[in-house]
Amino acid sequence: MAVRHRLIKKSPEDVWTILSDAERYGDWVVGTSRAELDEGRWPEVGAALRYEIKIGPLTLHNQTVVRRSEPPAVLELEAHSGPLGTARIAMELRPWGEQTLIILDEHPLRGAGGALHNPLLDAVQQVRSRAMLARLARLCEDDEGTSRTTSERSRSRPRTA
């Protein structure tokens, strides 16, 4: 089981703004690319995102479903990884003065991932979780990341030919 925490220099509401933006999911979740809403309204319970994860030459098509959502304090997800099974990803946002202590608890839930779970995989998960929290902190602490809407961010991005 991988439990990590990080202090983010923004309020829980600001952190929740990033977590609740389906278009930003791939910006903070390590390995994820091309995330898009699959069903529902993110991050309401039952909403789902579909995305790809590239591992070397392999491309996995995954889905993450919201299992619990209590803005701006709790977000619990179930990531479906095909033959690898599913994982529970729970995030708790605690006010820490004017900042946020985020606690991330990620572990295999069903399928092969749970059956093969061992201390080596936990160590790998710790590294991934640390990177994921660092990305989330960067997004949240960037004033543009939380103070402007998605459409405003899109308009300000340079266009490529």
N, C-alpha and C. Protein backbone atom coordinates (compact mmCIF):
# COMPACT_ATOMS: atom_id res chain seq x y z
N MET A 1 0.85 -1.18 0.00
CA MET A 1 0.00 0.00 0.00
C MET A 1 0.89 1.24 0.00
N ALA A 2 0.59 2.18 -0.87
CA ALA A 2 1.38 3.40 -0.99
C ALA A 2 0.59 4.57 -0.42
N VAL A 3 1.05 5.08 0.71
CA VAL A 3 0.44 6.26 1.30
C VAL A 3 1.51 7.35 1.30
N ARG A 4 1.19 8.47 0.71
CA ARG A 4 2.10 9.62 0.65
C ARG A 4 1.32 10.85 1.04
N HIS A 5 2.03 11.86 1.44
CA HIS A 5 1.39 13.13 1.74
C HIS A 5 2.27 14.27 1.22
N ARG A 6 1.65 15.43 1.06
CA ARG A 6 2.39 16.60 0.60
C ARG A 6 1.63 17.85 1.03
N LEU A 7 2.37 18.83 1.44
CA LEU A 7 1.80 20.13 1.77
C LEU A 7 1.79 20.97 0.49
N ILE A 8 0.62 21.45 0.13
CA ILE A 8 0.47 22.28 -1.07
C ILE A 8 0.11 23.69 -0.61
N LYS A 9 0.83 24.66 -1.15
CA LYS A 9 0.69 26.05 -0.71
C LYS A 9 -0.50 26.74 -1.35
N LYS A 10 -1.64 26.09 -1.25
CA LYS A 10 -2.92 26.63 -1.72
C LYS A 10 -4.01 26.08 -0.82
N SER A 11 -5.17 26.70 -0.88
CA SER A 11 -6.30 26.27 -0.06
C SER A 11 -6.87 24.95 -0.61
N PRO A 12 -7.61 24.20 0.23
CA PRO A 12 -8.26 22.99 -0.29
C PRO A 12 -9.17 23.27 -1.48
N GLU A 13 -9.82 24.44 -1.49
CA GLU A 13 -10.69 24.78 -2.62
C GLU A 13 -9.88 24.93 -3.91
N ASP A 14 -8.69 25.53 -3.81
CA ASP A 14 -7.85 25.68 -5.00
C ASP A 14 -7.34 24.33 -5.49
N VAL A 15 -6.96 23.46 -4.57
CA VAL A 15 -6.50 22.12 -4.95
C VAL A 15 -7.66 21.36 -5.59
N TRP A 16 -8.86 21.48 -5.01
CA TRP A 16 -10.03 20.80 -5.55
C TRP A 16 -10.33 21.28 -6.98
N THR A 17 -10.08 22.56 -7.24
CA THR A 17 -10.31 23.09 -8.59
C THR A 17 -9.51 22.30 -9.62
N ILE A 18 -8.27 21.98 -9.32
CA ILE A 18 -7.44 21.20 -10.24
C ILE A 18 -7.94 19.76 -10.31
N LEU A 19 -8.22 19.15 -9.16
CA LEU A 19 -8.70 17.76 -9.14
C LEU A 19 -10.02 17.60 -9.88
N SER A 20 -10.84 18.63 -9.87
CA SER A 20 -12.17 18.52 -10.49
C SER A 20 -12.18 18.91 -11.97
N ASP A 21 -11.04 19.23 -12.52
CA ASP A 21 -10.94 19.59 -13.94
C ASP A 21 -10.49 18.36 -14.73
N ALA A 22 -11.43 17.70 -15.37
CA ALA A 22 -11.14 16.47 -16.12
C ALA A 22 -10.05 16.68 -17.17
N GLU A 23 -10.00 17.86 -17.76
CA GLU A 23 -8.99 18.15 -18.78
C GLU A 23 -7.59 18.22 -18.21
N ARG A 24 -7.45 18.41 -16.91
CA ARG A 24 -6.13 18.52 -16.28
C ARG A 24 -5.64 17.18 -15.71
N TYR A 25 -6.46 16.14 -15.74
CA TYR A 25 -6.12 14.84 -15.15
C TYR A 25 -4.76 14.33 -15.64
N GLY A 26 -4.53 14.39 -16.92
CA GLY A 26 -3.27 13.94 -17.49
C GLY A 26 -2.08 14.80 -17.12
N ASP A 27 -2.33 16.01 -16.60
CA ASP A 27 -1.25 16.90 -16.19
C ASP A 27 -0.63 16.49 -14.86
N TRP A 28 -1.39 15.80 -14.01
CA TRP A 28 -0.85 15.44 -12.69
C TRP A 28 -0.76 13.94 -12.45
N VAL A 29 -1.47 13.12 -13.22
CA VAL A 29 -1.39 11.67 -13.04
C VAL A 29 -0.26 11.13 -13.92
N VAL A 30 0.75 10.56 -13.28
CA VAL A 30 1.94 10.06 -13.96
C VAL A 30 1.58 8.96 -14.96
N GLY A 31 2.08 9.11 -16.18
CA GLY A 31 1.91 8.10 -17.20
C GLY A 31 0.66 8.23 -18.04
N THR A 32 -0.24 9.11 -17.64
CA THR A 32 -1.52 9.24 -18.33
C THR A 32 -1.41 10.20 -19.51
N SER A 33 -2.02 9.79 -20.61
CA SER A 33 -2.09 10.70 -21.76
C SER A 33 -3.48 10.63 -22.36
N ARG A 34 -3.87 11.68 -23.03
CA ARG A 34 -5.15 11.76 -23.73
C ARG A 34 -6.35 11.43 -22.85
N ALA A 35 -6.44 12.03 -21.69
CA ALA A 35 -7.59 11.81 -20.81
C ALA A 35 -8.79 12.58 -21.34
N GLU A 36 -9.96 11.93 -21.32
CA GLU A 36 -11.19 12.60 -21.72
C GLU A 36 -12.36 12.02 -20.96
N LEU A 37 -13.39 12.82 -20.78
CA LEU A 37 -14.56 12.39 -20.05
C LEU A 37 -15.24 11.25 -20.80
N ASP A 38 -15.55 10.19 -20.08
CA ASP A 38 -16.21 9.02 -20.66
C ASP A 38 -17.70 9.04 -20.36
N GLU A 39 -18.04 9.36 -19.11
CA GLU A 39 -19.45 9.46 -18.74
C GLU A 39 -19.60 10.30 -17.49
N GLY A 40 -20.79 10.87 -17.31
CA GLY A 40 -21.10 11.65 -16.12
C GLY A 40 -20.46 13.02 -16.12
N ARG A 41 -20.46 13.63 -14.93
CA ARG A 41 -19.88 14.96 -14.72
C ARG A 41 -18.77 14.84 -13.70
N TRP A 42 -17.55 15.03 -14.12
CA TRP A 42 -16.38 14.89 -13.26
C TRP A 42 -16.34 16.02 -12.26
N PRO A 43 -16.11 15.76 -10.99
CA PRO A 43 -15.85 14.51 -10.29
C PRO A 43 -17.03 14.00 -9.46
N GLU A 44 -18.21 13.98 -10.03
CA GLU A 44 -19.36 13.44 -9.31
C GLU A 44 -19.27 11.92 -9.27
N VAL A 45 -19.86 11.32 -8.24
CA VAL A 45 -19.84 9.86 -8.09
C VAL A 45 -20.41 9.21 -9.34
N GLY A 46 -19.69 8.23 -9.87
CA GLY A 46 -20.09 7.52 -11.08
C GLY A 46 -19.50 8.08 -12.36
N ALA A 47 -18.99 9.31 -12.32
CA ALA A 47 -18.35 9.89 -13.51
C ALA A 47 -17.09 9.10 -13.83
N ALA A 48 -16.73 9.05 -15.12
CA ALA A 48 -15.57 8.28 -15.54
C ALA A 48 -14.77 9.01 -16.60
N LEU A 49 -13.45 8.83 -16.52
CA LEU A 49 -12.52 9.32 -17.54
C LEU A 49 -11.92 8.11 -18.24
N ARG A 50 -11.65 8.25 -19.52
CA ARG A 50 -10.88 7.22 -20.22
C ARG A 50 -9.60 7.87 -20.69
N TYR A 51 -8.54 7.07 -20.75
CA TYR A 51 -7.22 7.60 -21.08
C TYR A 51 -6.29 6.47 -21.47
N GLU A 52 -5.13 6.84 -21.96
CA GLU A 52 -4.10 5.88 -22.32
C GLU A 52 -2.92 6.02 -21.36
N ILE A 53 -2.28 4.88 -21.11
CA ILE A 53 -1.02 4.86 -20.38
C ILE A 53 -0.03 4.13 -21.26
N LYS A 54 1.10 4.77 -21.50
CA LYS A 54 2.14 4.15 -22.34
C LYS A 54 3.26 3.65 -21.45
N ILE A 55 3.56 2.36 -21.59
CA ILE A 55 4.66 1.73 -20.85
C ILE A 55 5.56 1.11 -21.91
N GLY A 56 6.63 1.82 -22.25
CA GLY A 56 7.49 1.36 -23.33
C GLY A 56 6.68 1.25 -24.61
N PRO A 57 6.73 0.08 -25.28
CA PRO A 57 5.99 -0.08 -26.53
C PRO A 57 4.50 -0.38 -26.31
N LEU A 58 4.11 -0.66 -25.07
CA LEU A 58 2.72 -0.99 -24.75
C LEU A 58 1.88 0.26 -24.54
N THR A 59 0.63 0.22 -24.99
CA THR A 59 -0.34 1.27 -24.71
C THR A 59 -1.55 0.60 -24.08
N LEU A 60 -1.86 1.01 -22.85
CA LEU A 60 -3.02 0.48 -22.15
C LEU A 60 -4.15 1.49 -22.21
N HIS A 61 -5.35 1.01 -22.46
CA HIS A 61 -6.53 1.87 -22.49
C HIS A 61 -7.27 1.65 -21.18
N ASN A 62 -7.26 2.67 -20.34
CA ASN A 62 -7.80 2.56 -18.99
C ASN A 62 -8.98 3.49 -18.78
N GLN A 63 -9.63 3.26 -17.65
CA GLN A 63 -10.75 4.10 -17.24
C GLN A 63 -10.65 4.31 -15.74
N THR A 64 -10.96 5.51 -15.29
CA THR A 64 -11.02 5.80 -13.86
C THR A 64 -12.42 6.30 -13.53
N VAL A 65 -13.00 5.73 -12.48
CA VAL A 65 -14.37 6.04 -12.07
C VAL A 65 -14.34 6.67 -10.68
N VAL A 66 -15.13 7.72 -10.48
CA VAL A 66 -15.26 8.35 -9.17
C VAL A 66 -16.15 7.47 -8.30
N ARG A 67 -15.63 7.06 -7.14
CA ARG A 67 -16.39 6.23 -6.20
C ARG A 67 -16.89 7.03 -5.00
N ARG A 68 -16.19 8.12 -4.66
CA ARG A 68 -16.60 8.97 -3.54
C ARG A 68 -16.11 10.38 -3.83
N SER A 69 -16.98 11.34 -3.62
CA SER A 69 -16.63 12.74 -3.89
C SER A 69 -17.30 13.63 -2.85
N GLU A 70 -16.48 14.28 -2.02
CA GLU A 70 -16.97 15.20 -1.00
C GLU A 70 -16.16 16.49 -1.09
N PRO A 71 -16.54 17.37 -2.04
CA PRO A 71 -15.78 18.61 -2.25
C PRO A 71 -15.74 19.47 -1.00
N PRO A 72 -14.66 20.12 -0.70
CA PRO A 72 -13.33 20.00 -1.28
C PRO A 72 -12.41 19.13 -0.41
N ALA A 73 -12.93 18.05 0.15
CA ALA A 73 -12.14 17.30 1.14
C ALA A 73 -11.75 15.89 0.73
N VAL A 74 -12.57 15.18 -0.03
CA VAL A 74 -12.31 13.77 -0.32
C VAL A 74 -12.64 13.45 -1.77
N LEU A 75 -11.71 12.76 -2.42
CA LEU A 75 -11.94 12.23 -3.76
C LEU A 75 -11.37 10.83 -3.80
N GLU A 76 -12.23 9.84 -4.06
CA GLU A 76 -11.78 8.46 -4.17
C GLU A 76 -12.14 7.93 -5.55
N LEU A 77 -11.14 7.33 -6.18
CA LEU A 77 -11.25 6.85 -7.55
C LEU A 77 -10.94 5.37 -7.63
N GLU A 78 -11.50 4.72 -8.63
CA GLU A 78 -11.12 3.35 -8.95
C GLU A 78 -10.60 3.34 -10.38
N ALA A 79 -9.31 3.01 -10.52
CA ALA A 79 -8.67 2.98 -11.84
C ALA A 79 -8.73 1.55 -12.37
N HIS A 80 -9.34 1.39 -13.53
CA HIS A 80 -9.46 0.09 -14.19
C HIS A 80 -8.34 -0.03 -15.22
N SER A 81 -7.51 -1.05 -15.05
CA SER A 81 -6.35 -1.24 -15.93
C SER A 81 -6.41 -2.57 -16.66
N GLY A 82 -7.57 -2.91 -17.17
CA GLY A 82 -7.72 -4.13 -17.96
C GLY A 82 -7.25 -5.36 -17.22
N PRO A 83 -6.36 -6.13 -17.85
CA PRO A 83 -5.93 -7.40 -17.23
C PRO A 83 -5.14 -7.22 -15.94
N LEU A 84 -4.64 -6.01 -15.68
CA LEU A 84 -3.91 -5.76 -14.45
C LEU A 84 -4.83 -5.60 -13.25
N GLY A 85 -6.12 -5.39 -13.49
CA GLY A 85 -7.07 -5.23 -12.42
C GLY A 85 -7.39 -3.78 -12.14
N THR A 86 -7.79 -3.50 -10.89
CA THR A 86 -8.14 -2.13 -10.52
C THR A 86 -7.34 -1.69 -9.30
N ALA A 87 -7.29 -0.37 -9.13
CA ALA A 87 -6.61 0.22 -7.98
C ALA A 87 -7.53 1.25 -7.36
N ARG A 88 -7.44 1.39 -6.06
CA ARG A 88 -8.16 2.43 -5.32
C ARG A 88 -7.20 3.59 -5.12
N ILE A 89 -7.64 4.78 -5.47
CA ILE A 89 -6.85 5.98 -5.29
C ILE A 89 -7.69 6.93 -4.44
N ALA A 90 -7.29 7.13 -3.21
CA ALA A 90 -8.04 7.99 -2.29
C ALA A 90 -7.21 9.22 -1.97
N MET A 91 -7.81 10.39 -2.10
CA MET A 91 -7.15 11.64 -1.78
C MET A 91 -7.97 12.38 -0.73
N GLU A 92 -7.30 12.73 0.34
CA GLU A 92 -7.93 13.51 1.40
C GLU A 92 -7.23 14.86 1.45
N LEU A 93 -8.00 15.93 1.40
CA LEU A 93 -7.47 17.29 1.44
C LEU A 93 -7.81 17.89 2.80
N ARG A 94 -6.80 18.14 3.61
CA ARG A 94 -6.99 18.70 4.94
C ARG A 94 -6.48 20.14 4.98
N PRO A 95 -7.29 21.06 5.49
CA PRO A 95 -6.78 22.42 5.65
C PRO A 95 -5.59 22.39 6.62
N TRP A 96 -4.55 23.12 6.27
CA TRP A 96 -3.35 23.23 7.11
C TRP A 96 -2.99 24.70 7.15
N GLY A 97 -3.63 25.42 8.07
CA GLY A 97 -3.54 26.87 8.03
C GLY A 97 -4.25 27.33 6.77
N GLU A 98 -3.55 28.10 5.95
CA GLU A 98 -4.13 28.53 4.67
C GLU A 98 -3.69 27.62 3.53
N GLN A 99 -3.05 26.53 3.86
CA GLN A 99 -2.55 25.58 2.85
C GLN A 99 -3.35 24.28 2.94
N THR A 100 -2.90 23.28 2.17
CA THR A 100 -3.58 21.99 2.13
C THR A 100 -2.59 20.87 2.34
N LEU A 101 -2.91 19.99 3.28
CA LEU A 101 -2.17 18.74 3.42
C LEU A 101 -2.96 17.71 2.65
N ILE A 102 -2.37 17.18 1.58
CA ILE A 102 -3.05 16.15 0.80
C ILE A 102 -2.44 14.79 1.15
N ILE A 103 -3.31 13.85 1.42
CA ILE A 103 -2.89 12.49 1.74
C ILE A 103 -3.40 11.60 0.62
N LEU A 104 -2.47 10.93 -0.04
CA LEU A 104 -2.78 10.05 -1.18
C LEU A 104 -2.56 8.62 -0.74
N ASP A 105 -3.58 7.79 -0.89
CA ASP A 105 -3.53 6.37 -0.54
C ASP A 105 -3.92 5.59 -1.79
N GLU A 106 -2.95 4.89 -2.36
CA GLU A 106 -3.21 4.14 -3.59
C GLU A 106 -2.77 2.70 -3.39
N HIS A 107 -3.65 1.79 -3.72
CA HIS A 107 -3.30 0.37 -3.61
C HIS A 107 -4.16 -0.48 -4.55
N PRO A 108 -3.65 -1.67 -4.92
CA PRO A 108 -4.43 -2.57 -5.78
C PRO A 108 -5.71 -2.98 -5.07
N LEU A 109 -6.76 -3.14 -5.86
CA LEU A 109 -8.05 -3.48 -5.30
C LEU A 109 -8.54 -4.84 -5.78
N ARG A 110 -8.49 -5.05 -7.09
CA ARG A 110 -9.01 -6.28 -7.68
C ARG A 110 -8.06 -6.76 -8.78
N GLY A 111 -8.17 -8.04 -9.12
CA GLY A 111 -7.45 -8.59 -10.26
C GLY A 111 -6.00 -8.91 -9.98
N ALA A 112 -5.22 -9.00 -11.06
CA ALA A 112 -3.82 -9.41 -10.98
C ALA A 112 -2.99 -8.49 -10.09
N GLY A 113 -3.27 -7.21 -10.13
CA GLY A 113 -2.52 -6.27 -9.30
C GLY A 113 -2.60 -6.62 -7.83
N GLY A 114 -3.77 -6.99 -7.37
CA GLY A 114 -3.94 -7.39 -5.97
C GLY A 114 -3.26 -8.71 -5.67
N ALA A 115 -3.36 -9.65 -6.61
CA ALA A 115 -2.76 -10.97 -6.40
C ALA A 115 -1.23 -10.90 -6.39
N LEU A 116 -0.66 -10.01 -7.18
CA LEU A 116 0.79 -9.91 -7.30
C LEU A 116 1.39 -8.84 -6.38
N HIS A 117 0.56 -8.21 -5.58
CA HIS A 117 1.00 -7.13 -4.71
C HIS A 117 2.12 -7.60 -3.78
N ASN A 118 3.22 -6.83 -3.72
CA ASN A 118 4.37 -7.20 -2.90
C ASN A 118 5.16 -5.93 -2.54
N PRO A 119 6.16 -6.04 -1.65
CA PRO A 119 6.92 -4.86 -1.22
C PRO A 119 7.66 -4.15 -2.37
N LEU A 120 8.11 -4.87 -3.38
CA LEU A 120 8.78 -4.24 -4.51
C LEU A 120 7.81 -3.35 -5.28
N LEU A 121 6.60 -3.84 -5.53
CA LEU A 121 5.60 -3.03 -6.21
C LEU A 121 5.20 -1.83 -5.36
N ASP A 122 5.17 -2.01 -4.04
CA ASP A 122 4.91 -0.87 -3.15
C ASP A 122 5.97 0.21 -3.31
N ALA A 123 7.22 -0.20 -3.41
CA ALA A 123 8.32 0.77 -3.55
C ALA A 123 8.17 1.55 -4.86
N VAL A 124 7.83 0.86 -5.93
CA VAL A 124 7.61 1.52 -7.23
C VAL A 124 6.44 2.49 -7.13
N GLN A 125 5.39 2.05 -6.45
CA GLN A 125 4.21 2.90 -6.28
C GLN A 125 4.54 4.15 -5.47
N GLN A 126 5.42 4.03 -4.48
CA GLN A 126 5.83 5.18 -3.69
C GLN A 126 6.50 6.23 -4.58
N VAL A 127 7.35 5.79 -5.47
CA VAL A 127 8.04 6.71 -6.39
C VAL A 127 7.01 7.40 -7.29
N ARG A 128 6.08 6.62 -7.83
CA ARG A 128 5.04 7.18 -8.71
C ARG A 128 4.17 8.18 -7.94
N SER A 129 3.79 7.82 -6.73
CA SER A 129 2.93 8.71 -5.92
C SER A 129 3.65 10.01 -5.58
N ARG A 130 4.93 9.92 -5.27
CA ARG A 130 5.70 11.13 -4.97
C ARG A 130 5.72 12.05 -6.19
N ALA A 131 5.94 11.48 -7.37
CA ALA A 131 5.96 12.28 -8.60
C ALA A 131 4.58 12.88 -8.88
N MET A 132 3.54 12.11 -8.66
CA MET A 132 2.18 12.58 -8.91
C MET A 132 1.84 13.76 -8.00
N LEU A 133 2.19 13.65 -6.72
CA LEU A 133 1.92 14.76 -5.79
C LEU A 133 2.75 16.00 -6.13
N ALA A 134 3.97 15.79 -6.60
CA ALA A 134 4.79 16.93 -7.01
C ALA A 134 4.16 17.65 -8.20
N ARG A 135 3.66 16.89 -9.16
CA ARG A 135 2.99 17.50 -10.32
C ARG A 135 1.74 18.26 -9.89
N LEU A 136 0.96 17.64 -9.02
CA LEU A 136 -0.26 18.29 -8.54
C LEU A 136 0.08 19.58 -7.81
N ALA A 137 1.10 19.55 -6.96
CA ALA A 137 1.51 20.76 -6.24
C ALA A 137 1.92 21.86 -7.21
N ARG A 138 2.70 21.51 -8.24
CA ARG A 138 3.12 22.52 -9.23
C ARG A 138 1.91 23.15 -9.91
N LEU A 139 0.94 22.32 -10.30
CA LEU A 139 -0.26 22.86 -10.97
C LEU A 139 -1.04 23.78 -10.03
N CYS A 140 -1.19 23.36 -8.79
CA CYS A 140 -1.97 24.14 -7.83
C CYS A 140 -1.27 25.43 -7.45
N GLU A 141 0.02 25.38 -7.27
CA GLU A 141 0.77 26.54 -6.80
C GLU A 141 1.05 27.55 -7.90
N ASP A 142 0.83 27.15 -9.14
CA ASP A 142 0.92 28.07 -10.27
C ASP A 142 -0.35 28.91 -10.25
N ASP A 143 -0.22 30.22 -10.01
CA ASP A 143 -1.41 31.06 -9.90
C ASP A 143 -2.33 30.93 -11.09
N GLU A 144 -1.77 30.74 -12.29
CA GLU A 144 -2.61 30.58 -13.47
C GLU A 144 -3.43 29.30 -13.39
N GLY A 145 -2.88 28.27 -12.77
CA GLY A 145 -3.56 26.98 -12.73
C GLY A 145 -4.87 27.00 -11.98
N THR A 146 -4.99 27.85 -10.96
CA THR A 146 -6.21 27.85 -10.15
C THR A 146 -7.04 29.11 -10.28
N SER A 147 -6.47 30.17 -10.84
CA SER A 147 -7.23 31.41 -10.87
C SER A 147 -7.94 31.65 -12.19
N ARG A 148 -7.64 30.86 -13.21
CA ARG A 148 -8.29 31.05 -14.50
C ARG A 148 -9.05 29.79 -14.88
N THR A 149 -10.09 29.97 -15.65
CA THR A 149 -10.87 28.81 -16.10
C THR A 149 -10.12 28.08 -17.19
N THR A 150 -10.57 26.87 -17.49
CA THR A 150 -9.95 26.06 -18.54
C THR A 150 -9.98 26.80 -19.88
N SER A 151 -11.11 27.44 -20.21
CA SER A 151 -11.18 28.13 -21.50
C SER A 151 -10.22 29.32 -21.54
N GLU A 152 -10.05 30.01 -20.42
CA GLU A 152 -9.09 31.11 -20.38
C GLU A 152 -7.67 30.60 -20.57
N ARG A 153 -7.33 29.44 -19.95
CA ARG A 153 -5.99 28.86 -20.12
C ARG A 153 -5.78 28.47 -21.57
N SER A 154 -6.80 27.90 -22.19
CA SER A 154 -6.67 27.46 -23.59
C SER A 154 -6.41 28.63 -24.51
N ARG A 155 -7.11 29.74 -24.27
CA ARG A 155 -6.93 30.92 -25.13
C ARG A 155 -5.53 31.49 -25.00
N SER A 156 -4.90 31.34 -23.82
CA SER A 156 -3.59 31.96 -23.61
C SER A 156 -2.45 31.07 -24.03
N ARG A 157 -2.72 29.78 -24.33
CA ARG A 157 -1.64 28.89 -24.75
C ARG A 157 -1.21 29.23 -26.17
N PRO A 158 0.10 29.21 -26.41
CA PRO A 158 0.55 29.48 -27.78
C PRO A 158 0.09 28.37 -28.71
N ARG A 159 -0.31 28.73 -29.89
CA ARG A 159 -0.74 27.74 -30.87
C ARG A 159 0.47 27.26 -31.66
N THR A 160 0.45 25.98 -31.98
CA THR A 160 1.52 25.41 -32.79
C THR A 160 0.98 25.07 -34.16
N ALA A 161 1.82 25.20 -35.14
CA ALA A 161 1.40 24.93 -36.52
C ALA A 161 1.46 23.46 -36.83
